[in-house]
Amino acid sequence: MTQIFLETERLVLRDKRPDDVDFIASLCADPRVMRFIADGCTVPREEVEARFFRVLAIENAPGHERWD
């Protein structure tokens, strides 16, 4: 799998990693963030983890690389 990393003075683009789930869960639990996303409701950590790891598994499967 190709690892992508691109950095500028203000931005870093890279592949998701399993340890990113904590940050994503904190965003999804914040009503100030979620008011701009979908129906505006916060998302429980268990649901965030399930979605995150499901997407990560798909992206890491052979033939499904995100950046190719």
PDB file of N, CA and C in Angstrom:
ATOM      1  N   MET A   1       0.834  -1.182   0.000  1.00  0.00           N
ATOM      2  CA  MET A   1       0.000   0.000   0.000  1.00  0.00           C
ATOM      3  C   MET A   1       0.878   1.244   0.000  1.00  0.00           C
ATOM      4  N   THR A   2       0.537   2.190  -0.831  1.00  0.00           N
ATOM      5  CA  THR A   2       1.263   3.435  -0.933  1.00  0.00           C
ATOM      6  C   THR A   2       0.908   4.332   0.245  1.00  0.00           C
ATOM      7  N   GLN A   3       1.908   4.852   0.918  1.00  0.00           N
ATOM      8  CA  GLN A   3       1.675   5.804   1.995  1.00  0.00           C
ATOM      9  C   GLN A   3       1.803   7.214   1.430  1.00  0.00           C
ATOM     10  N   ILE A   4       0.817   8.030   1.701  1.00  0.00           N
ATOM     11  CA  ILE A   4       0.795   9.397   1.204  1.00  0.00           C
ATOM     12  C   ILE A   4       1.066  10.356   2.351  1.00  0.00           C
ATOM     13  N   PHE A   5       1.945  11.303   2.098  1.00  0.00           N
ATOM     14  CA  PHE A   5       2.214  12.356   3.065  1.00  0.00           C
ATOM     15  C   PHE A   5       2.585  13.605   2.289  1.00  0.00           C
ATOM     16  N   LEU A   6       1.829  14.652   2.495  1.00  0.00           N
ATOM     17  CA  LEU A   6       2.072  15.925   1.839  1.00  0.00           C
ATOM     18  C   LEU A   6       1.952  17.004   2.891  1.00  0.00           C
ATOM     19  N   GLU A   7       2.953  17.847   2.984  1.00  0.00           N
ATOM     20  CA  GLU A   7       2.930  18.886   4.001  1.00  0.00           C
ATOM     21  C   GLU A   7       3.286  20.234   3.389  1.00  0.00           C
ATOM     22  N   THR A   8       2.502  21.231   3.780  1.00  0.00           N
ATOM     23  CA  THR A   8       2.804  22.614   3.437  1.00  0.00           C
ATOM     24  C   THR A   8       2.955  23.371   4.748  1.00  0.00           C
ATOM     25  N   GLU A   9       3.126  24.661   4.663  1.00  0.00           N
ATOM     26  CA  GLU A   9       3.269  25.462   5.872  1.00  0.00           C
ATOM     27  C   GLU A   9       2.047  25.372   6.781  1.00  0.00           C
ATOM     28  N   ARG A  10       0.857  25.221   6.183  1.00  0.00           N
ATOM     29  CA  ARG A  10      -0.373  25.234   6.967  1.00  0.00           C
ATOM     30  C   ARG A  10      -1.196  23.955   6.920  1.00  0.00           C
ATOM     31  N   LEU A  11      -0.753  22.958   6.161  1.00  0.00           N
ATOM     32  CA  LEU A  11      -1.600  21.798   5.918  1.00  0.00           C
ATOM     33  C   LEU A  11      -0.779  20.520   5.853  1.00  0.00           C
ATOM     34  N   VAL A  12      -1.328  19.446   6.421  1.00  0.00           N
ATOM     35  CA  VAL A  12      -0.730  18.123   6.304  1.00  0.00           C
ATOM     36  C   VAL A  12      -1.804  17.176   5.783  1.00  0.00           C
ATOM     37  N   LEU A  13      -1.513  16.489   4.695  1.00  0.00           N
ATOM     38  CA  LEU A  13      -2.389  15.451   4.160  1.00  0.00           C
ATOM     39  C   LEU A  13      -1.684  14.119   4.329  1.00  0.00           C
ATOM     40  N   ARG A  14      -2.372  13.167   4.916  1.00  0.00           N
ATOM     41  CA  ARG A  14      -1.804  11.840   5.104  1.00  0.00           C
ATOM     42  C   ARG A  14      -2.938  10.835   5.221  1.00  0.00           C
ATOM     43  N   ASP A  15      -2.585   9.574   5.138  1.00  0.00           N
ATOM     44  CA  ASP A  15      -3.573   8.518   5.306  1.00  0.00           C
ATOM     45  C   ASP A  15      -4.070   8.491   6.751  1.00  0.00           C
ATOM     46  N   LYS A  16      -5.296   8.001   6.919  1.00  0.00           N
ATOM     47  CA  LYS A  16      -5.826   7.805   8.271  1.00  0.00           C
ATOM     48  C   LYS A  16      -5.035   6.704   8.967  1.00  0.00           C
ATOM     49  N   ARG A  17      -4.947   6.830  10.294  1.00  0.00           N
ATOM     50  CA  ARG A  17      -4.308   5.806  11.119  1.00  0.00           C
ATOM     51  C   ARG A  17      -5.265   5.424  12.244  1.00  0.00           C
ATOM     52  N   PRO A  18      -5.134   4.217  12.773  1.00  0.00           N
ATOM     53  CA  PRO A  18      -6.035   3.793  13.853  1.00  0.00           C
ATOM     54  C   PRO A  18      -6.062   4.746  15.042  1.00  0.00           C
ATOM     55  N   ASP A  19      -4.941   5.383  15.357  1.00  0.00           N
ATOM     56  CA  ASP A  19      -4.934   6.277  16.513  1.00  0.00           C
ATOM     57  C   ASP A  19      -5.654   7.600  16.248  1.00  0.00           C
ATOM     58  N   ASP A  20      -6.128   7.833  15.024  1.00  0.00           N
ATOM     59  CA  ASP A  20      -6.922   9.020  14.707  1.00  0.00           C
ATOM     60  C   ASP A  20      -8.340   8.929  15.259  1.00  0.00           C
ATOM     61  N   VAL A  21      -8.768   7.746  15.635  1.00  0.00           N
ATOM     62  CA  VAL A  21     -10.159   7.568  16.072  1.00  0.00           C
ATOM     63  C   VAL A  21     -10.482   8.420  17.301  1.00  0.00           C
ATOM     64  N   ASP A  22      -9.533   8.637  18.185  1.00  0.00           N
ATOM     65  CA  ASP A  22      -9.807   9.455  19.374  1.00  0.00           C
ATOM     66  C   ASP A  22     -10.161  10.891  18.989  1.00  0.00           C
ATOM     67  N   PHE A  23      -9.401  11.465  18.065  1.00  0.00           N
ATOM     68  CA  PHE A  23      -9.674  12.830  17.626  1.00  0.00           C
ATOM     69  C   PHE A  23     -11.005  12.916  16.888  1.00  0.00           C
ATOM     70  N   ILE A  24     -11.254  11.962  16.000  1.00  0.00           N
ATOM     71  CA  ILE A  24     -12.517  11.947  15.251  1.00  0.00           C
ATOM     72  C   ILE A  24     -13.702  11.812  16.213  1.00  0.00           C
ATOM     73  N   ALA A  25     -13.571  10.944  17.194  1.00  0.00           N
ATOM     74  CA  ALA A  25     -14.652  10.762  18.178  1.00  0.00           C
ATOM     75  C   ALA A  25     -14.903  12.050  18.960  1.00  0.00           C
ATOM     76  N   SER A  26     -13.825  12.768  19.290  1.00  0.00           N
ATOM     77  CA  SER A  26     -14.015  14.023  20.030  1.00  0.00           C
ATOM     78  C   SER A  26     -14.741  15.060  19.176  1.00  0.00           C
ATOM     79  N   LEU A  27     -14.438  15.109  17.883  1.00  0.00           N
ATOM     80  CA  LEU A  27     -15.153  16.026  16.993  1.00  0.00           C
ATOM     81  C   LEU A  27     -16.624  15.653  16.887  1.00  0.00           C
ATOM     82  N   CYS A  28     -16.890  14.369  16.739  1.00  0.00           N
ATOM     83  CA  CYS A  28     -18.268  13.899  16.564  1.00  0.00           C
ATOM     84  C   CYS A  28     -19.100  14.037  17.835  1.00  0.00           C
ATOM     85  N   ALA A  29     -18.451  14.191  18.978  1.00  0.00           N
ATOM     86  CA  ALA A  29     -19.156  14.368  20.247  1.00  0.00           C
ATOM     87  C   ALA A  29     -19.397  15.840  20.570  1.00  0.00           C
ATOM     88  N   ASP A  30     -18.843  16.733  19.763  1.00  0.00           N
ATOM     89  CA  ASP A  30     -18.934  18.165  20.034  1.00  0.00           C
ATOM     90  C   ASP A  30     -20.113  18.766  19.267  1.00  0.00           C
ATOM     91  N   PRO A  31     -21.139  19.235  19.973  1.00  0.00           N
ATOM     92  CA  PRO A  31     -22.309  19.805  19.299  1.00  0.00           C
ATOM     93  C   PRO A  31     -21.965  21.029  18.437  1.00  0.00           C
ATOM     94  N   ARG A  32     -20.923  21.776  18.822  1.00  0.00           N
ATOM     95  CA  ARG A  32     -20.524  22.953  18.035  1.00  0.00           C
ATOM     96  C   ARG A  32     -19.980  22.554  16.678  1.00  0.00           C
ATOM     97  N   VAL A  33     -19.368  21.380  16.595  1.00  0.00           N
ATOM     98  CA  VAL A  33     -18.855  20.870  15.320  1.00  0.00           C
ATOM     99  C   VAL A  33     -19.990  20.229  14.524  1.00  0.00           C
ATOM    100  N   MET A  34     -20.745  19.395  15.186  1.00  0.00           N
ATOM    101  CA  MET A  34     -21.752  18.585  14.494  1.00  0.00           C
ATOM    102  C   MET A  34     -22.937  19.395  13.988  1.00  0.00           C
ATOM    103  N   ARG A  35     -23.109  20.594  14.463  1.00  0.00           N
ATOM    104  CA  ARG A  35     -24.236  21.399  13.966  1.00  0.00           C
ATOM    105  C   ARG A  35     -24.105  21.683  12.479  1.00  0.00           C
ATOM    106  N   PHE A  36     -22.908  21.543  11.926  1.00  0.00           N
ATOM    107  CA  PHE A  36     -22.669  21.786  10.506  1.00  0.00           C
ATOM    108  C   PHE A  36     -22.678  20.505   9.668  1.00  0.00           C
ATOM    109  N   ILE A  37     -22.855  19.359  10.311  1.00  0.00           N
ATOM    110  CA  ILE A  37     -22.728  18.073   9.624  1.00  0.00           C
ATOM    111  C   ILE A  37     -24.042  17.295   9.717  1.00  0.00           C
ATOM    112  N   ALA A  38     -24.491  16.790   8.572  1.00  0.00           N
ATOM    113  CA  ALA A  38     -25.688  15.942   8.484  1.00  0.00           C
ATOM    114  C   ALA A  38     -26.865  16.575   9.233  1.00  0.00           C
ATOM    115  N   ASP A  39     -27.415  15.838  10.209  1.00  0.00           N
ATOM    116  CA  ASP A  39     -28.601  16.342  10.911  1.00  0.00           C
ATOM    117  C   ASP A  39     -28.255  17.167  12.145  1.00  0.00           C
ATOM    118  N   GLY A  40     -26.983  17.386  12.387  1.00  0.00           N
ATOM    119  CA  GLY A  40     -26.558  18.219  13.502  1.00  0.00           C
ATOM    120  C   GLY A  40     -26.434  17.503  14.827  1.00  0.00           C
ATOM    121  N   CYS A  41     -26.760  16.211  14.870  1.00  0.00           N
ATOM    122  CA  CYS A  41     -26.686  15.452  16.115  1.00  0.00           C
ATOM    123  C   CYS A  41     -25.271  14.924  16.352  1.00  0.00           C
ATOM    124  N   THR A  42     -24.891  14.849  17.622  1.00  0.00           N
ATOM    125  CA  THR A  42     -23.615  14.231  17.954  1.00  0.00           C
ATOM    126  C   THR A  42     -23.716  12.729  17.714  1.00  0.00           C
ATOM    127  N   VAL A  43     -22.560  12.077  17.624  1.00  0.00           N
ATOM    128  CA  VAL A  43     -22.503  10.642  17.346  1.00  0.00           C
ATOM    129  C   VAL A  43     -21.766   9.958  18.491  1.00  0.00           C
ATOM    130  N   PRO A  44     -22.347   8.889  19.065  1.00  0.00           N
ATOM    131  CA  PRO A  44     -21.683   8.183  20.155  1.00  0.00           C
ATOM    132  C   PRO A  44     -20.345   7.582  19.709  1.00  0.00           C
ATOM    133  N   ARG A  45     -19.404   7.525  20.631  1.00  0.00           N
ATOM    134  CA  ARG A  45     -18.073   7.012  20.333  1.00  0.00           C
ATOM    135  C   ARG A  45     -18.116   5.617  19.706  1.00  0.00           C
ATOM    136  N   GLU A  46     -18.973   4.739  20.209  1.00  0.00           N
ATOM    137  CA  GLU A  46     -19.047   3.377  19.685  1.00  0.00           C
ATOM    138  C   GLU A  46     -19.382   3.386  18.193  1.00  0.00           C
ATOM    139  N   GLU A  47     -20.289   4.262  17.805  1.00  0.00           N
ATOM    140  CA  GLU A  47     -20.672   4.356  16.399  1.00  0.00           C
ATOM    141  C   GLU A  47     -19.545   4.952  15.556  1.00  0.00           C
ATOM    142  N   VAL A  48     -18.869   5.952  16.106  1.00  0.00           N
ATOM    143  CA  VAL A  48     -17.729   6.549  15.398  1.00  0.00           C
ATOM    144  C   VAL A  48     -16.659   5.489  15.161  1.00  0.00           C
ATOM    145  N   GLU A  49     -16.334   4.725  16.202  1.00  0.00           N
ATOM    146  CA  GLU A  49     -15.315   3.683  16.069  1.00  0.00           C
ATOM    147  C   GLU A  49     -15.708   2.656  15.016  1.00  0.00           C
ATOM    148  N   ALA A  50     -16.947   2.206  15.063  1.00  0.00           N
ATOM    149  CA  ALA A  50     -17.400   1.196  14.100  1.00  0.00           C
ATOM    150  C   ALA A  50     -17.278   1.710  12.675  1.00  0.00           C
ATOM    151  N   ARG A  51     -17.750   2.923  12.432  1.00  0.00           N
ATOM    152  CA  ARG A  51     -17.660   3.508  11.092  1.00  0.00           C
ATOM    153  C   ARG A  51     -16.205   3.712  10.671  1.00  0.00           C
ATOM    154  N   PHE A  52     -15.421   4.275  11.562  1.00  0.00           N
ATOM    155  CA  PHE A  52     -14.027   4.590  11.255  1.00  0.00           C
ATOM    156  C   PHE A  52     -13.255   3.343  10.853  1.00  0.00           C
ATOM    157  N   PHE A  53     -13.364   2.286  11.656  1.00  0.00           N
ATOM    158  CA  PHE A  53     -12.595   1.081  11.366  1.00  0.00           C
ATOM    159  C   PHE A  53     -13.145   0.318  10.164  1.00  0.00           C
ATOM    160  N   ARG A  54     -14.440   0.438   9.901  1.00  0.00           N
ATOM    161  CA  ARG A  54     -15.009  -0.162   8.690  1.00  0.00           C
ATOM    162  C   ARG A  54     -14.445   0.536   7.450  1.00  0.00           C
ATOM    163  N   VAL A  55     -14.430   1.847   7.450  1.00  0.00           N
ATOM    164  CA  VAL A  55     -13.877   2.610   6.316  1.00  0.00           C
ATOM    165  C   VAL A  55     -12.382   2.363   6.177  1.00  0.00           C
ATOM    166  N   LEU A  56     -11.665   2.337   7.282  1.00  0.00           N
ATOM    167  CA  LEU A  56     -10.225   2.082   7.249  1.00  0.00           C
ATOM    168  C   LEU A  56      -9.931   0.714   6.637  1.00  0.00           C
ATOM    169  N   ALA A  57     -10.706  -0.291   6.988  1.00  0.00           N
ATOM    170  CA  ALA A  57     -10.513  -1.634   6.433  1.00  0.00           C
ATOM    171  C   ALA A  57     -10.770  -1.641   4.926  1.00  0.00           C
ATOM    172  N   ILE A  58     -11.808  -0.949   4.488  1.00  0.00           N
ATOM    173  CA  ILE A  58     -12.105  -0.885   3.055  1.00  0.00           C
ATOM    174  C   ILE A  58     -10.985  -0.169   2.317  1.00  0.00           C
ATOM    175  N   GLU A  59     -10.544   0.956   2.845  1.00  0.00           N
ATOM    176  CA  GLU A  59      -9.480   1.723   2.195  1.00  0.00           C
ATOM    177  C   GLU A  59      -8.164   0.957   2.134  1.00  0.00           C
ATOM    178  N   ASN A  60      -7.931   0.084   3.097  1.00  0.00           N
ATOM    179  CA  ASN A  60      -6.679  -0.661   3.138  1.00  0.00           C
ATOM    180  C   ASN A  60      -6.761  -1.993   2.399  1.00  0.00           C
ATOM    181  N   ALA A  61      -7.932  -2.347   1.882  1.00  0.00           N
ATOM    182  CA  ALA A  61      -8.086  -3.586   1.147  1.00  0.00           C
ATOM    183  C   ALA A  61      -7.402  -3.456  -0.218  1.00  0.00           C
ATOM    184  N   PRO A  62      -6.813  -4.544  -0.703  1.00  0.00           N
ATOM    185  CA  PRO A  62      -6.187  -4.495  -2.024  1.00  0.00           C
ATOM    186  C   PRO A  62      -7.173  -4.028  -3.097  1.00  0.00           C
ATOM    187  N   GLY A  63      -6.714  -3.126  -3.949  1.00  0.00           N
ATOM    188  CA  GLY A  63      -7.552  -2.617  -5.026  1.00  0.00           C
ATOM    189  C   GLY A  63      -8.452  -1.462  -4.631  1.00  0.00           C
ATOM    190  N   HIS A  64      -8.410  -1.038  -3.385  1.00  0.00           N
ATOM    191  CA  HIS A  64      -9.265   0.056  -2.924  1.00  0.00           C
ATOM    192  C   HIS A  64      -8.458   1.196  -2.327  1.00  0.00           C
ATOM    193  N   GLU A  65      -7.267   1.372  -2.801  1.00  0.00           N
ATOM    194  CA  GLU A  65      -6.445   2.424  -2.238  1.00  0.00           C
ATOM    195  C   GLU A  65      -6.983   3.791  -2.625  1.00  0.00           C
ATOM    196  N   ARG A  66      -7.065   4.626  -1.667  1.00  0.00           N
ATOM    197  CA  ARG A  66      -7.694   5.935  -1.814  1.00  0.00           C
ATOM    198  C   ARG A  66      -6.950   6.866  -2.784  1.00  0.00           C
ATOM    199  N   TRP A  67      -5.651   6.843  -2.791  1.00  0.00           N
ATOM    200  CA  TRP A  67      -4.884   7.856  -3.507  1.00  0.00           C
ATOM    201  C   TRP A  67      -4.368   7.401  -4.864  1.00  0.00           C
ATOM    202  N   ASP A  68      -4.695   6.217  -5.307  1.00  0.00           N
ATOM    203  CA  ASP A  68      -4.193   5.743  -6.605  1.00  0.00           C
ATOM    204  C   ASP A  68      -4.954   6.344  -7.753  1.00  0.00           C
TER     205      ASP A  68
END
